[in-house]
Amino acid sequence: MNQPRPWLQWLLMWGLLLGTWWGAERWGPAAPWLDATATLSPLQPRHPQVVATEDRAHMPFGGASQKAWEFLDTLKLDIPTSWQLQGSARAWYPLRRFFLQLPEADKRRVEVYHWGDSQIEGDRISKVLRKRWQSKWGGRGPGWVLPLTPASNTAIVGSLKAGTMRRSSGFGRGRNAEALRLPFFAVNDVSDTATWTVRGNGRSSLTHKGWTWTDLWSQDSGTVRLLGEPEASSLDSLSWSHAPVIGDLTLTLSPQHIQGIFLGQPHGVYVHNLPMRGSSGTLFDKVPDADWMHMKAAHAPSLILLQFGGNAVPGIHTTQEARWFAKRLANNIRSLERTFPGIPILFIGPSDMGRNPSAFPGLPLVVHALAVEIASTSALHWDLQAAMGGPGSMAEWVERGWASDDHIHFTRRGAQEAGERLEQALLVAWQSLRKP
């Protein structure tokens, strides 16, 4: 009688094993430790043990320590635990290094990139950090701007005086893959010679006026001229040093694809407001490598803020779907970590949503899955829903006038409140990271 061949037995055994695993993953209940209703206790900031001594040879900004600590000594901060940043020990040291750069901003640029969904449109939340940090540490100008955006940027007042310009984005409905370019994940296409006038919005912040450096990021070799600035001197074909801009600055643009216009100085703090309406934050690993390299060389980030999740919530109904989204987003964070090693990344959100806690069943699933996956990266996490007051807090924010009637988006007053709570969470983290 013929005996079954060994390889056939092994094949049948592995097929049975894989089939059982797939069935359990597909239809089985979630593991108890992945229970989306569980309450997560935020990790308390802990100063990681530094292997080398903190001297000038090992810490490029070691000389800033005393100024930084003296500043902190003047602050009286007492915030709820739910407002605090969370993260593993490996996430805190890069953040400490960022804090030590702030007092040195009078000598160099410290750039913060704030990417997020429609919750940050119109320079909401970003403005709070920029205004406070520029007033304290220096810097003039709003940073990166685009002439055409879905919602006007309140940091500037811009007007297209002549010519034709069209916006194209690499995300959301009708996205164009060729427009997936930094820093906005969108471009402005100039089809004929256009004239754009811009000035800083002093009503939003006085620091938005008086920038002395204009830098254009363009995909093409198009030409740009500055009008009304006779003292301007070109640093290269698309970058100018000029007298402080208090009024209007006019740019004449030949046909080209504009990725961004930087309005700032060679030094100071810049918090770039980079809204991506409709995005869930899972396209960072799709951007051309050349764009990341250009950013790294010319406008390298000192801190990256990512604020996403709200757009994914309505389409998520199961724990498995929430896990998939969170893993995809965590992979994007890892891509940023590889591109900018040693640069702190802080993930924010999503906010509370709906008229009551049951309005969006996917919200607790997403919040939980993100907390788990962000902890597996080197990023820090700020739970915006918890900072608002927890599940159901959106109704209270609407009643206070801090959120709109759609029970999803903040009003400007609410965005101010969210920004202030974020800044306080960062300052508490700074205090906790001082050397014992």
Protein backbone atom coordinates (compact mmCIF):
# COMPACT_ATOMS: atom_id res chain seq x y z
CA MET A 1 0.00 0.00 0.00
CA ASN A 2 1.41 3.39 -0.99
CA GLN A 3 2.30 5.69 1.91
CA PRO A 4 1.32 9.43 1.63
CA ARG A 5 4.23 11.56 0.61
CA PRO A 6 5.72 13.65 3.48
CA TRP A 7 5.48 16.91 1.54
CA LEU A 8 1.75 16.36 1.01
CA GLN A 9 1.21 15.89 4.75
CA TRP A 10 3.11 19.09 5.51
CA LEU A 11 1.09 20.98 2.88
CA LEU A 12 -2.21 19.80 4.35
CA MET A 13 -1.09 20.68 7.89
CA TRP A 14 0.00 24.23 6.93
CA GLY A 15 -3.22 24.73 4.95
CA LEU A 16 -5.29 23.78 7.98
CA LEU A 17 -3.25 26.06 10.26
CA LEU A 18 -3.49 29.08 7.94
CA GLY A 19 -7.19 28.50 7.37
CA THR A 20 -7.86 28.38 11.11
CA TRP A 21 -5.83 31.58 11.69
CA TRP A 22 -7.61 33.44 8.88
CA GLY A 23 -11.02 32.39 10.14
CA ALA A 24 -10.25 33.49 13.70
CA GLU A 25 -8.92 36.85 12.50
CA ARG A 26 -11.88 37.40 10.19
CA TRP A 27 -14.81 36.30 12.34
CA GLY A 28 -13.45 35.74 15.83
CA PRO A 29 -13.92 38.28 18.66
CA ALA A 30 -11.18 40.80 19.40
CA ALA A 31 -8.69 39.87 22.06
CA PRO A 32 -9.53 41.22 25.55
CA TRP A 33 -6.49 43.49 25.55
CA LEU A 34 -7.80 45.15 22.35
CA ASP A 35 -11.17 46.00 23.87
CA ALA A 36 -12.07 49.40 22.39
CA THR A 37 -14.08 50.31 25.48
CA ALA A 38 -11.10 50.02 27.77
CA THR A 39 -9.83 53.20 29.35
CA LEU A 40 -6.23 54.08 28.59
CA SER A 41 -4.22 55.83 31.27
CA PRO A 42 -1.86 58.37 29.72
CA LEU A 43 1.80 57.67 30.24
CA GLN A 44 3.47 60.28 32.37
CA PRO A 45 6.37 62.18 30.78
CA ARG A 46 9.65 60.63 31.84
CA HIS A 47 13.10 61.93 31.18
CA PRO A 48 15.00 59.08 29.46
CA GLN A 49 18.43 58.18 30.75
CA VAL A 50 21.06 59.90 28.61
CA VAL A 51 24.07 57.71 27.89
CA ALA A 52 26.52 60.55 27.29
CA THR A 53 26.91 63.61 29.47
CA GLU A 54 25.13 66.69 28.21
CA ASP A 55 27.95 68.92 27.07
CA ARG A 56 28.53 71.04 24.00
CA ALA A 57 30.31 68.26 22.20
CA HIS A 58 27.29 65.95 22.34
CA MET A 59 24.41 68.45 22.40
CA PRO A 60 24.43 71.02 19.57
CA PHE A 61 22.10 73.26 21.58
CA GLY A 62 23.44 72.53 25.04
CA GLY A 63 24.14 76.22 25.66
CA ALA A 64 20.42 76.96 25.54
CA SER A 65 19.65 74.89 28.61
CA GLN A 66 19.93 77.66 31.19
CA LYS A 67 17.78 80.12 29.23
CA ALA A 68 15.20 77.40 28.64
CA TRP A 69 14.97 76.44 32.31
CA GLU A 70 14.82 80.06 33.48
CA PHE A 71 11.87 80.62 31.16
CA LEU A 72 10.10 77.56 32.53
CA ASP A 73 10.60 78.69 36.11
CA THR A 74 8.29 81.65 35.42
CA LEU A 75 5.41 79.40 34.36
CA LYS A 76 2.75 78.11 36.74
CA LEU A 77 1.16 75.14 34.99
CA ASP A 78 -1.34 72.71 36.44
CA ILE A 79 -3.24 70.82 33.77
CA PRO A 80 -5.48 67.74 33.97
CA THR A 81 -3.87 64.38 33.30
CA SER A 82 -6.11 63.99 30.25
CA TRP A 83 -4.35 66.97 28.62
CA GLN A 84 -0.88 65.51 28.91
CA LEU A 85 1.22 64.07 26.09
CA GLN A 86 1.70 60.33 25.97
CA GLY A 87 4.58 58.32 24.56
CA SER A 88 7.38 55.88 25.15
CA ALA A 89 10.76 56.91 26.54
CA ARG A 90 12.34 56.97 23.08
CA ALA A 91 9.89 59.70 22.02
CA TRP A 92 10.81 62.19 24.74
CA TYR A 93 14.47 62.84 24.04
CA PRO A 94 13.90 64.31 20.51
CA LEU A 95 11.20 66.56 21.99
CA ARG A 96 13.63 67.79 24.63
CA ARG A 97 16.13 68.63 21.91
CA PHE A 98 13.44 70.64 20.11
CA PHE A 99 12.68 72.62 23.26
CA LEU A 100 16.32 73.51 23.62
CA GLN A 101 16.31 74.97 20.10
CA LEU A 102 13.59 77.51 20.85
CA PRO A 103 15.80 79.89 22.89
CA GLU A 104 18.33 79.72 20.00
CA ALA A 105 15.77 80.89 17.42
CA ASP A 106 17.40 84.33 17.30
CA LYS A 107 20.30 82.64 15.47
CA ARG A 108 18.53 80.09 13.24
CA ARG A 109 15.14 79.01 11.94
CA VAL A 110 13.08 76.60 14.00
CA GLU A 111 10.36 75.25 11.71
CA VAL A 112 7.27 73.37 12.89
CA TYR A 113 5.16 71.59 10.26
CA HIS A 114 1.51 71.23 11.26
CA TRP A 115 -0.28 68.91 8.82
CA GLY A 116 -3.91 68.14 9.54
CA ASP A 117 -7.43 67.78 8.18
CA SER A 118 -10.10 70.47 7.92
CA GLN A 119 -10.02 70.96 11.70
CA ILE A 120 -6.92 73.17 11.24
CA GLU A 121 -8.05 75.04 8.10
CA GLY A 122 -7.75 78.79 8.09
CA ASP A 123 -4.69 78.71 10.36
CA ARG A 124 -6.73 77.43 13.29
CA ILE A 125 -4.75 75.89 16.18
CA SER A 126 -1.44 76.47 14.34
CA LYS A 127 -1.82 80.22 14.89
CA VAL A 128 -1.83 79.84 18.67
CA LEU A 129 1.60 78.21 18.74
CA ARG A 130 3.06 80.56 16.11
CA LYS A 131 1.84 83.73 17.81
CA ARG A 132 3.03 82.69 21.28
CA TRP A 133 6.39 81.28 20.16
CA GLN A 134 7.24 84.10 17.74
CA SER A 135 6.37 86.68 20.40
CA LYS A 136 8.68 84.89 22.85
CA TRP A 137 11.47 83.50 20.66
CA GLY A 138 11.39 85.69 17.53
CA GLY A 139 10.44 85.33 13.89
CA ARG A 140 8.38 87.38 11.46
CA GLY A 141 5.98 86.04 8.86
CA PRO A 142 3.47 83.18 8.57
CA GLY A 143 5.84 80.66 6.97
CA TRP A 144 4.59 78.55 4.05
CA VAL A 145 1.50 79.85 2.21
CA LEU A 146 -0.27 79.17 -1.10
CA PRO A 147 -2.24 81.80 -3.04
CA LEU A 148 -5.24 79.48 -3.64
CA THR A 149 -6.58 77.26 -0.84
CA PRO A 150 -10.09 75.87 -0.08
CA ALA A 151 -10.30 78.02 3.06
CA SER A 152 -8.53 81.34 3.31
CA ASN A 153 -5.47 81.47 5.54
CA THR A 154 -6.14 84.13 8.17
CA ALA A 155 -2.39 84.72 8.63
CA ILE A 156 -2.31 86.59 5.31
CA VAL A 157 -4.45 88.77 3.08
CA GLY A 158 -3.83 87.78 -0.53
CA SER A 159 -5.36 88.78 -3.84
CA LEU A 160 -4.88 87.58 -7.42
CA LYS A 161 -4.71 90.84 -9.37
CA ALA A 162 -4.16 89.46 -12.87
CA GLY A 163 -3.74 86.20 -14.74
CA THR A 164 -5.12 82.73 -14.21
CA MET A 165 -4.29 80.35 -11.37
CA ARG A 166 -5.81 76.97 -10.52
CA ARG A 167 -5.44 74.73 -7.49
CA SER A 168 -4.88 70.98 -7.78
CA SER A 169 -4.53 68.61 -4.81
CA GLY A 170 -3.11 65.14 -4.35
CA PHE A 171 -5.74 64.16 -1.75
CA GLY A 172 -9.49 64.20 -1.29
CA ARG A 173 -12.11 64.02 -4.00
CA GLY A 174 -10.86 64.57 -7.53
CA ARG A 175 -7.27 64.17 -6.38
CA ASN A 176 -4.46 64.41 -8.88
CA ALA A 177 -1.46 62.18 -8.16
CA GLU A 178 0.88 64.67 -9.86
CA ALA A 179 -0.18 67.34 -7.35
CA LEU A 180 0.95 65.28 -4.37
CA ARG A 181 3.83 67.64 -3.65
CA LEU A 182 5.23 69.23 -0.53
CA PRO A 183 4.60 71.11 1.61
CA PHE A 184 0.80 71.38 1.01
CA PHE A 185 0.21 68.08 -0.85
CA ALA A 186 -1.24 70.43 -3.47
CA VAL A 187 -0.02 72.90 -6.09
CA ASN A 188 -1.17 76.16 -7.68
CA ASP A 189 -0.90 76.05 -11.48
CA VAL A 190 -0.18 79.37 -13.18
CA SER A 191 -1.35 79.02 -16.79
CA ASP A 192 -0.34 82.51 -17.89
CA THR A 193 1.49 85.43 -16.32
CA ALA A 194 -0.19 86.16 -13.00
CA THR A 195 0.15 88.91 -10.41
CA TRP A 196 -0.45 88.07 -6.74
CA THR A 197 -0.36 90.58 -3.89
CA VAL A 198 0.05 89.50 -0.27
CA ARG A 199 0.42 91.12 3.13
CA GLY A 200 0.60 89.78 6.65
CA ASN A 201 -2.63 89.92 8.63
CA GLY A 202 -1.77 92.05 11.63
CA ARG A 203 -5.22 91.51 13.14
CA SER A 204 -4.40 87.81 13.50
CA SER A 205 -0.90 88.48 14.88
CA LEU A 206 1.50 91.40 14.60
CA THR A 207 4.31 88.91 13.97
CA HIS A 208 2.74 88.06 10.60
CA LYS A 209 4.07 91.39 9.31
CA GLY A 210 7.67 92.40 8.77
CA TRP A 211 9.14 89.31 7.08
CA THR A 212 12.43 89.89 5.25
CA TRP A 213 12.81 86.75 3.17
CA THR A 214 10.55 85.46 0.39
CA ASP A 215 11.26 81.99 -0.98
CA LEU A 216 9.32 80.29 -3.79
CA TRP A 217 9.13 76.49 -4.14
CA SER A 218 8.26 75.69 -7.74
CA GLN A 219 8.31 72.51 -9.82
CA ASP A 220 9.44 74.37 -12.93
CA SER A 221 12.06 76.87 -14.00
CA GLY A 222 9.46 79.62 -14.16
CA THR A 223 10.39 83.20 -13.36
CA VAL A 224 9.19 85.38 -10.51
CA ARG A 225 9.66 89.10 -9.94
CA LEU A 226 9.04 91.10 -6.79
CA LEU A 227 7.42 94.48 -7.39
CA GLY A 228 7.52 97.47 -5.10
CA GLU A 229 10.64 96.26 -3.27
CA PRO A 230 13.58 98.19 -4.84
CA GLU A 231 15.91 97.05 -2.06
CA ALA A 232 15.29 93.35 -2.71
CA SER A 233 18.31 91.27 -3.63
CA SER A 234 17.93 87.83 -5.20
CA LEU A 235 19.71 85.05 -3.29
CA ASP A 236 19.02 82.68 -6.18
CA SER A 237 16.43 82.54 -8.95
CA LEU A 238 13.48 82.04 -6.58
CA SER A 239 14.61 83.52 -3.25
CA TRP A 240 14.90 87.14 -2.12
CA SER A 241 16.18 89.10 0.84
CA HIS A 242 14.43 92.44 1.23
CA ALA A 243 13.33 95.18 3.60
CA PRO A 244 10.66 94.23 6.18
CA VAL A 245 7.27 93.89 4.47
CA ILE A 246 4.74 95.90 6.44
CA GLY A 247 2.27 96.56 3.63
CA ASP A 248 1.73 94.69 0.37
CA LEU A 249 4.25 92.56 -1.50
CA THR A 250 3.49 91.89 -5.18
CA LEU A 251 4.81 88.89 -7.10
CA THR A 252 4.63 88.54 -10.88
CA LEU A 253 4.65 84.84 -11.80
CA SER A 254 5.28 83.25 -15.18
CA PRO A 255 3.53 79.92 -16.05
CA GLN A 256 4.62 77.29 -13.51
CA HIS A 257 3.44 74.91 -10.77
CA ILE A 258 3.83 76.58 -7.36
CA GLN A 259 4.23 74.27 -4.37
CA GLY A 260 4.57 76.95 -1.72
CA ILE A 261 5.75 80.47 -0.92
CA PHE A 262 7.73 80.99 2.27
CA LEU A 263 7.28 84.36 3.98
CA GLY A 264 9.70 84.62 6.88
CA GLN A 265 13.26 85.31 7.95
CA PRO A 266 16.56 83.38 8.16
CA HIS A 267 15.90 83.01 11.90
CA GLY A 268 12.93 82.72 14.24
CA VAL A 269 10.14 80.22 14.90
CA TYR A 270 7.72 79.24 12.13
CA VAL A 271 4.63 77.09 12.60
CA HIS A 272 3.42 76.15 9.12
CA ASN A 273 -0.34 75.65 8.79
CA LEU A 274 -0.79 72.88 6.19
CA PRO A 275 -4.45 71.77 6.04
CA MET A 276 -5.50 68.74 3.96
CA ARG A 277 -9.30 68.80 3.82
CA GLY A 278 -10.73 65.30 3.49
CA SER A 279 -7.42 63.53 4.12
CA SER A 280 -6.81 60.83 6.73
CA GLY A 281 -3.05 61.36 6.84
CA THR A 282 -2.04 58.19 5.00
CA LEU A 283 -0.29 59.70 1.96
CA PHE A 284 3.03 60.83 3.42
CA ASP A 285 4.82 57.77 2.06
CA LYS A 286 3.52 58.53 -1.46
CA VAL A 287 5.27 61.91 -1.84
CA PRO A 288 8.25 61.95 -4.25
CA ASP A 289 11.55 61.45 -2.46
CA ALA A 290 12.99 64.53 -4.18
CA ASP A 291 10.50 66.75 -2.33
CA TRP A 292 11.50 65.34 1.05
CA MET A 293 15.17 65.85 0.21
CA HIS A 294 14.55 69.46 -0.83
CA MET A 295 12.64 70.14 2.39
CA LYS A 296 15.40 68.52 4.41
CA ALA A 297 18.05 70.70 2.75
CA ALA A 298 16.24 74.05 2.60
CA HIS A 299 13.48 74.06 5.25
CA ALA A 300 14.09 71.13 7.56
CA PRO A 301 11.47 70.55 10.27
CA SER A 302 12.39 70.80 13.94
CA LEU A 303 9.01 69.41 15.03
CA ILE A 304 6.23 67.65 13.08
CA LEU A 305 2.59 67.82 14.19
CA LEU A 306 0.11 65.43 12.56
CA GLN A 307 -3.60 65.94 13.25
CA PHE A 308 -5.78 63.32 11.55
CA GLY A 309 -8.41 60.66 12.14
CA GLY A 310 -11.71 62.49 11.90
CA ASN A 311 -12.20 61.77 8.20
CA ALA A 312 -11.72 58.03 8.75
CA VAL A 313 -14.26 57.76 11.58
CA PRO A 314 -17.56 57.80 9.58
CA GLY A 315 -16.45 54.88 7.39
CA ILE A 316 -15.22 52.64 10.22
CA HIS A 317 -17.64 50.18 11.82
CA THR A 318 -15.46 47.34 13.14
CA THR A 319 -12.39 46.94 15.31
CA GLN A 320 -10.56 45.34 12.40
CA GLU A 321 -11.21 48.36 10.16
CA ALA A 322 -9.95 50.69 12.89
CA ARG A 323 -6.81 48.58 13.29
CA TRP A 324 -6.13 48.67 9.55
CA PHE A 325 -6.42 52.46 9.44
CA ALA A 326 -4.25 52.96 12.52
CA LYS A 327 -1.56 50.63 11.18
CA ARG A 328 -1.55 52.46 7.86
CA LEU A 329 -1.15 55.80 9.62
CA ALA A 330 1.59 54.41 11.89
CA ASN A 331 3.48 53.26 8.79
CA ASN A 332 3.34 56.83 7.50
CA ILE A 333 4.83 58.03 10.78
CA ARG A 334 7.64 55.50 10.44
CA SER A 335 8.28 56.81 6.92
CA LEU A 336 8.69 60.33 8.37
CA GLU A 337 10.95 58.96 11.11
CA ARG A 338 13.24 57.44 8.47
CA THR A 339 13.31 60.69 6.49
CA PHE A 340 13.92 62.92 9.52
CA PRO A 341 15.73 60.82 12.13
CA GLY A 342 15.84 62.42 15.55
CA ILE A 343 13.03 64.91 14.77
CA PRO A 344 10.10 64.68 17.22
CA ILE A 345 6.69 63.80 15.82
CA LEU A 346 3.50 64.51 17.76
CA PHE A 347 0.25 62.91 16.61
CA ILE A 348 -2.96 64.77 17.54
CA GLY A 349 -6.55 63.67 17.42
CA PRO A 350 -9.18 63.02 16.49
CA SER A 351 -11.50 65.34 18.40
CA ASP A 352 -14.80 64.28 19.88
CA MET A 353 -17.58 64.20 17.28
CA GLY A 354 -21.37 64.04 17.24
CA ARG A 355 -24.32 65.14 19.33
CA ASN A 356 -23.83 62.22 21.72
CA PRO A 357 -21.26 59.44 22.30
CA SER A 358 -23.17 56.99 20.08
CA ALA A 359 -23.40 59.29 17.05
CA PHE A 360 -20.19 57.91 15.52
CA PRO A 361 -19.70 54.25 16.55
CA GLY A 362 -16.34 54.19 14.84
CA LEU A 363 -14.88 57.01 16.94
CA PRO A 364 -13.94 54.99 20.08
CA LEU A 365 -12.56 52.24 17.83
CA VAL A 366 -10.32 54.71 15.98
CA VAL A 367 -9.21 56.52 19.15
CA HIS A 368 -8.23 53.23 20.77
CA ALA A 369 -6.52 51.78 17.68
CA LEU A 370 -4.51 54.97 17.17
CA ALA A 371 -3.37 54.99 20.81
CA VAL A 372 -2.09 51.43 20.40
CA GLU A 373 -0.37 51.95 17.05
CA ILE A 374 1.16 55.37 17.78
CA ALA A 375 2.75 53.82 20.88
CA SER A 376 4.53 51.34 18.57
CA THR A 377 6.32 54.22 16.82
CA SER A 378 8.72 56.84 18.15
CA ALA A 379 6.00 59.50 18.03
CA LEU A 380 4.24 61.18 20.92
CA HIS A 381 0.44 61.20 21.15
CA TRP A 382 -1.99 63.89 22.27
CA ASP A 383 -5.55 62.63 22.68
CA LEU A 384 -7.61 65.62 21.60
CA GLN A 385 -10.91 63.96 22.51
CA ALA A 386 -9.65 63.42 26.07
CA ALA A 387 -8.34 67.00 26.22
CA MET A 388 -11.79 68.25 25.21
CA GLY A 389 -13.37 66.37 28.12
CA GLY A 390 -13.81 62.86 26.76
CA PRO A 391 -16.68 61.15 24.89
CA GLY A 392 -19.71 63.42 24.61
CA SER A 393 -17.73 66.62 25.20
CA MET A 394 -18.48 67.96 21.70
CA ALA A 395 -22.06 68.78 22.78
CA GLU A 396 -20.71 70.97 25.58
CA TRP A 397 -18.29 72.68 23.18
CA VAL A 398 -21.17 73.47 20.83
CA GLU A 399 -23.18 74.90 23.74
CA ARG A 400 -20.24 77.13 24.69
CA GLY A 401 -19.80 78.33 21.11
CA TRP A 402 -16.50 76.50 20.77
CA ALA A 403 -17.75 74.19 17.99
CA SER A 404 -20.15 74.61 15.09
CA ASP A 405 -23.64 73.17 14.78
CA ASP A 406 -22.33 70.24 12.71
CA HIS A 407 -20.84 68.90 15.97
CA ILE A 408 -17.57 68.16 14.15
CA HIS A 409 -15.60 71.34 13.49
CA PHE A 410 -14.35 73.88 16.01
CA THR A 411 -15.28 77.53 15.75
CA ARG A 412 -12.37 79.96 15.84
CA ARG A 413 -12.91 80.36 19.58
CA GLY A 414 -12.87 76.59 20.01
CA ALA A 415 -9.75 76.23 17.90
CA GLN A 416 -8.13 78.87 20.10
CA GLU A 417 -9.06 76.83 23.17
CA ALA A 418 -7.71 73.62 21.62
CA GLY A 419 -4.49 75.39 20.65
CA GLU A 420 -4.01 76.79 24.13
CA ARG A 421 -4.50 73.35 25.69
CA LEU A 422 -1.99 71.88 23.24
CA GLU A 423 0.56 74.58 24.08
CA GLN A 424 0.08 73.98 27.80
CA ALA A 425 0.55 70.24 27.29
CA LEU A 426 3.82 70.96 25.48
CA LEU A 427 5.01 73.33 28.19
CA VAL A 428 4.23 70.77 30.91
CA ALA A 429 6.23 68.22 28.94
CA TRP A 430 9.08 70.72 28.73
CA GLN A 431 9.07 71.24 32.46
CA SER A 432 9.01 67.48 33.06
CA LEU A 433 12.05 66.99 30.81
CA ARG A 434 14.40 69.31 32.65
CA LYS A 435 17.41 67.64 34.19
CA PRO A 436 16.97 66.54 37.81
